[in-house]
Amino acid sequence: MITLGFIRHGTTEWNIAGRMQGQMDTALAEVGVKQAQLLAERLKGETWDAIVTSDLVRAQQTAETIAHVTGTPLIGSDIRLRERSFGQVEGTTLEERISRWGEGWREADVGMEADEALLKRWHTFMEELQAKHAGKRILIVSHGGYIAPVVERMLGRRIEEHLNNTSLTIIEGDPTGWNCKLLNCTIHLNT
C-alpha cells in the first residue's frame, strides 16, 4: 500500500485577515514562509519518497521549501489537489459573509463546491498516485478545506478539529483500509 503525509500550506495574509481563499491564488505571508521552513526542518529526519502539491501558489511555496530543505523530490503540481471552490464567498471575511447571506451562509446557494465533486477529484488523483507509487511514502501539500473531507472519507469518520497551517496528517494504507498515524500535528511550530 501507500503512506500519505497531508500538509496544509503555510499561513497567508488572507488567513491572517480571515478572508476565504478557496481557489483564489494567494502567496504565503512572512509567517507562512517561516512555518514551512520549520516543518521542512522537522521532516529532514524522516524518509519520504516524493512530494506532490496543489497548483496554487501558497501550496507550491510550501512544497518547494520542504523539497529544498529535505532533498525530497517535488514531482509536480496537480489541479485536482486545489482547495475547494467556495464560489461567491471567496475573498470575503466572515463579517462580510454574514452581512450578505446571514448566519447560515454555509447553507446558502453561493456556488460552493460540493463534497462529492471534491472527492471525485481526489479519487481520480489517488488512483493514479497508487498506480505509480505503490508502497511509497508521499507528501501531499494542499489546503484545509480539501484535506479534511478527503481524510474523513478515507477514515470513515468526522474530523472535529480545524486543520492548522503547516499541519501534518499521516495516513497509512494496509490491506484492511486506512489508518491515521498522526492528525493535525504542528509540533514543529513550538520551537
Protein backbone atom coordinates (compact mmCIF):
# COMPACT_ATOMS: atom_id res chain seq x y z
CA MET A 1 0.00 0.00 0.00
CA ILE A 2 0.96 3.65 0.29
CA THR A 3 1.63 6.14 3.09
CA LEU A 4 0.36 9.69 2.64
CA GLY A 5 1.54 12.75 4.53
CA PHE A 6 -1.04 15.51 4.10
CA ILE A 7 0.31 19.01 4.71
CA ARG A 8 -1.79 22.15 4.82
CA HIS A 9 0.07 25.10 3.28
CA GLY A 10 1.63 27.85 5.43
CA THR A 11 -0.25 30.94 6.58
CA THR A 12 -1.13 33.64 4.04
CA GLU A 13 -2.07 37.29 4.52
CA TRP A 14 -5.66 36.27 3.75
CA ASN A 15 -5.54 33.64 6.54
CA ILE A 16 -4.43 36.41 8.89
CA ALA A 17 -7.20 38.74 7.67
CA GLY A 18 -9.84 35.98 7.88
CA ARG A 19 -10.59 36.09 4.14
CA MET A 20 -11.93 32.96 2.43
CA GLN A 21 -9.31 31.97 -0.14
CA GLY A 22 -10.77 28.99 -1.89
CA GLN A 23 -9.23 28.75 -5.34
CA MET A 24 -8.02 32.35 -5.37
CA ASP A 25 -4.25 32.32 -5.75
CA THR A 26 -2.58 33.90 -2.71
CA ALA A 27 1.04 33.70 -1.60
CA LEU A 28 2.47 32.85 1.80
CA ALA A 29 2.84 35.60 4.36
CA GLU A 30 6.20 36.01 6.09
CA VAL A 31 4.95 33.86 8.98
CA GLY A 32 3.86 31.19 6.46
CA VAL A 33 7.33 31.05 4.94
CA LYS A 34 8.79 30.56 8.44
CA GLN A 35 6.22 27.83 9.21
CA ALA A 36 7.16 25.99 6.01
CA GLN A 37 10.84 26.18 6.95
CA LEU A 38 10.15 24.82 10.45
CA LEU A 39 8.12 21.95 9.01
CA ALA A 40 10.86 21.21 6.46
CA GLU A 41 13.45 21.05 9.26
CA ARG A 42 11.22 18.60 11.12
CA LEU A 43 10.78 16.43 8.02
CA LYS A 44 14.54 16.28 7.39
CA GLY A 45 14.71 13.44 9.89
CA GLU A 46 12.04 11.39 8.11
CA THR A 47 12.08 9.39 4.90
CA TRP A 48 9.64 10.48 2.21
CA ASP A 49 9.87 9.37 -1.42
CA ALA A 50 8.24 12.33 -3.15
CA ILE A 51 6.17 15.49 -2.78
CA VAL A 52 3.18 16.46 -4.89
CA THR A 53 1.35 19.75 -4.46
CA SER A 54 -1.74 21.71 -5.36
CA ASP A 55 -1.09 24.09 -8.24
CA LEU A 56 -2.00 27.14 -6.11
CA VAL A 57 0.95 29.37 -5.14
CA ARG A 58 0.60 29.05 -1.35
CA ALA A 59 0.82 25.27 -1.56
CA GLN A 60 3.63 25.36 -4.14
CA GLN A 61 5.71 27.70 -1.97
CA THR A 62 5.26 25.36 0.99
CA ALA A 63 6.17 22.29 -1.09
CA GLU A 64 9.22 23.97 -2.65
CA THR A 65 10.56 24.89 0.79
CA ILE A 66 10.14 21.30 2.01
CA ALA A 67 11.78 19.89 -1.14
CA HIS A 68 14.71 22.31 -0.88
CA VAL A 69 15.43 21.62 2.80
CA THR A 70 14.80 17.86 2.84
CA GLY A 71 16.02 16.90 -0.63
CA THR A 72 12.74 15.07 -1.23
CA PRO A 73 11.85 15.26 -4.93
CA LEU A 74 8.95 17.55 -5.81
CA ILE A 75 7.37 15.51 -8.59
CA GLY A 76 4.80 18.06 -9.69
CA SER A 77 1.66 20.01 -9.02
CA ASP A 78 -1.87 18.86 -9.71
CA ILE A 79 -5.02 20.92 -10.16
CA ARG A 80 -7.03 18.12 -8.53
CA LEU A 81 -5.35 18.96 -5.19
CA ARG A 82 -6.68 22.54 -5.25
CA GLU A 83 -8.71 23.95 -2.40
CA ARG A 84 -12.46 23.56 -2.54
CA SER A 85 -14.13 26.26 -4.63
CA PHE A 86 -16.10 28.48 -2.28
CA GLY A 87 -17.90 30.30 -5.10
CA GLN A 88 -19.17 33.78 -4.26
CA VAL A 89 -17.71 33.78 -0.75
CA GLU A 90 -14.12 33.70 -1.97
CA GLY A 91 -12.32 36.87 -0.96
CA THR A 92 -14.81 37.74 1.79
CA THR A 93 -14.39 37.94 5.57
CA LEU A 94 -16.80 36.23 7.97
CA GLU A 95 -18.37 39.60 8.74
CA GLU A 96 -18.96 40.22 5.02
CA ARG A 97 -20.44 36.74 4.55
CA ILE A 98 -22.86 37.18 7.45
CA SER A 99 -23.81 40.65 6.18
CA ARG A 100 -24.59 39.29 2.68
CA TRP A 101 -26.04 35.85 3.34
CA GLY A 102 -26.79 35.76 7.09
CA GLU A 103 -25.56 33.44 9.83
CA GLY A 104 -26.46 30.43 7.67
CA TRP A 105 -24.19 31.49 4.81
CA ARG A 106 -22.74 27.96 4.58
CA GLU A 107 -26.18 26.65 3.58
CA ALA A 108 -26.84 29.48 1.09
CA ASP A 109 -26.58 28.85 -2.64
CA VAL A 110 -23.28 30.67 -3.21
CA GLY A 111 -21.78 28.26 -5.73
CA MET A 112 -19.66 26.31 -3.22
CA GLU A 113 -18.14 23.05 -4.50
CA ALA A 114 -19.96 20.06 -3.02
CA ASP A 115 -18.09 17.37 -1.09
CA GLU A 116 -18.88 14.78 -3.76
CA ALA A 117 -17.29 16.89 -6.53
CA LEU A 118 -14.18 17.48 -4.39
CA LEU A 119 -13.95 13.79 -3.51
CA LYS A 120 -14.31 12.84 -7.18
CA ARG A 121 -11.20 14.97 -7.90
CA TRP A 122 -9.41 13.21 -5.05
CA HIS A 123 -10.45 9.73 -6.21
CA THR A 124 -9.06 10.15 -9.73
CA PHE A 125 -5.84 11.64 -8.35
CA MET A 126 -5.46 8.84 -5.79
CA GLU A 127 -5.99 6.07 -8.36
CA GLU A 128 -3.10 7.46 -10.43
CA LEU A 129 -0.91 8.02 -7.37
CA GLN A 130 -1.37 4.44 -6.15
CA ALA A 131 -0.69 3.04 -9.62
CA LYS A 132 2.58 4.99 -9.94
CA HIS A 133 3.79 5.00 -6.34
CA ALA A 134 2.54 1.83 -4.64
CA GLY A 135 4.45 1.11 -1.45
CA LYS A 136 5.91 4.63 -1.33
CA ARG A 137 5.70 7.47 1.22
CA ILE A 138 4.27 10.55 -0.47
CA LEU A 139 3.81 14.07 0.93
CA ILE A 140 0.77 15.92 -0.42
CA VAL A 141 0.73 19.68 0.09
CA SER A 142 -2.79 21.03 -0.21
CA HIS A 143 -5.46 23.01 1.65
CA GLY A 144 -7.53 22.65 4.81
CA GLY A 145 -10.89 22.65 3.03
CA TYR A 146 -9.61 19.90 0.75
CA ILE A 147 -7.63 17.73 3.16
CA ALA A 148 -10.35 17.50 5.83
CA PRO A 149 -13.07 15.88 3.68
CA VAL A 150 -10.53 13.61 1.98
CA VAL A 151 -9.17 12.32 5.30
CA GLU A 152 -12.70 11.99 6.70
CA ARG A 153 -13.69 9.84 3.71
CA MET A 154 -10.54 7.72 3.98
CA LEU A 155 -11.01 7.10 7.70
CA GLY A 156 -14.80 6.88 7.64
CA ARG A 157 -15.18 9.35 10.50
CA ARG A 158 -15.58 13.06 11.08
CA ILE A 159 -12.59 15.24 11.99
CA GLU A 160 -13.81 17.72 14.57
CA GLU A 161 -10.71 19.90 14.75
CA HIS A 162 -9.72 22.64 12.31
CA LEU A 163 -6.58 21.73 10.34
CA ASN A 164 -3.83 24.20 11.18
CA ASN A 165 -1.43 25.79 8.71
CA THR A 166 1.57 23.51 8.03
CA SER A 167 -0.07 20.70 9.99
CA LEU A 168 0.99 17.17 9.14
CA THR A 169 -1.52 14.32 8.96
CA ILE A 170 -0.19 10.86 8.15
CA ILE A 171 -2.49 8.17 6.74
CA GLU A 172 -1.13 4.69 6.16
CA GLY A 173 -2.76 2.16 3.90
CA ASP A 174 -2.83 -1.57 4.51
CA PRO A 175 -4.94 -4.43 3.13
CA THR A 176 -7.70 -3.70 5.66
CA GLY A 177 -8.00 0.02 4.85
CA TRP A 178 -6.59 3.34 6.04
CA ASN A 179 -5.12 4.09 9.45
CA CYS A 180 -4.42 7.52 10.87
CA LYS A 181 -0.93 7.63 12.36
CA LEU A 182 -0.84 11.39 13.01
CA LEU A 183 -3.56 14.06 12.81
CA ASN A 184 -3.11 17.82 12.50
CA CYS A 185 0.34 17.80 14.12
CA THR A 186 2.14 21.15 14.39
CA ILE A 187 4.81 20.26 16.96
CA HIS A 188 7.40 21.92 14.66
CA LEU A 189 5.78 25.31 15.36
CA ASN A 190 6.56 25.01 19.10
CA THR A 191 10.25 25.89 18.59
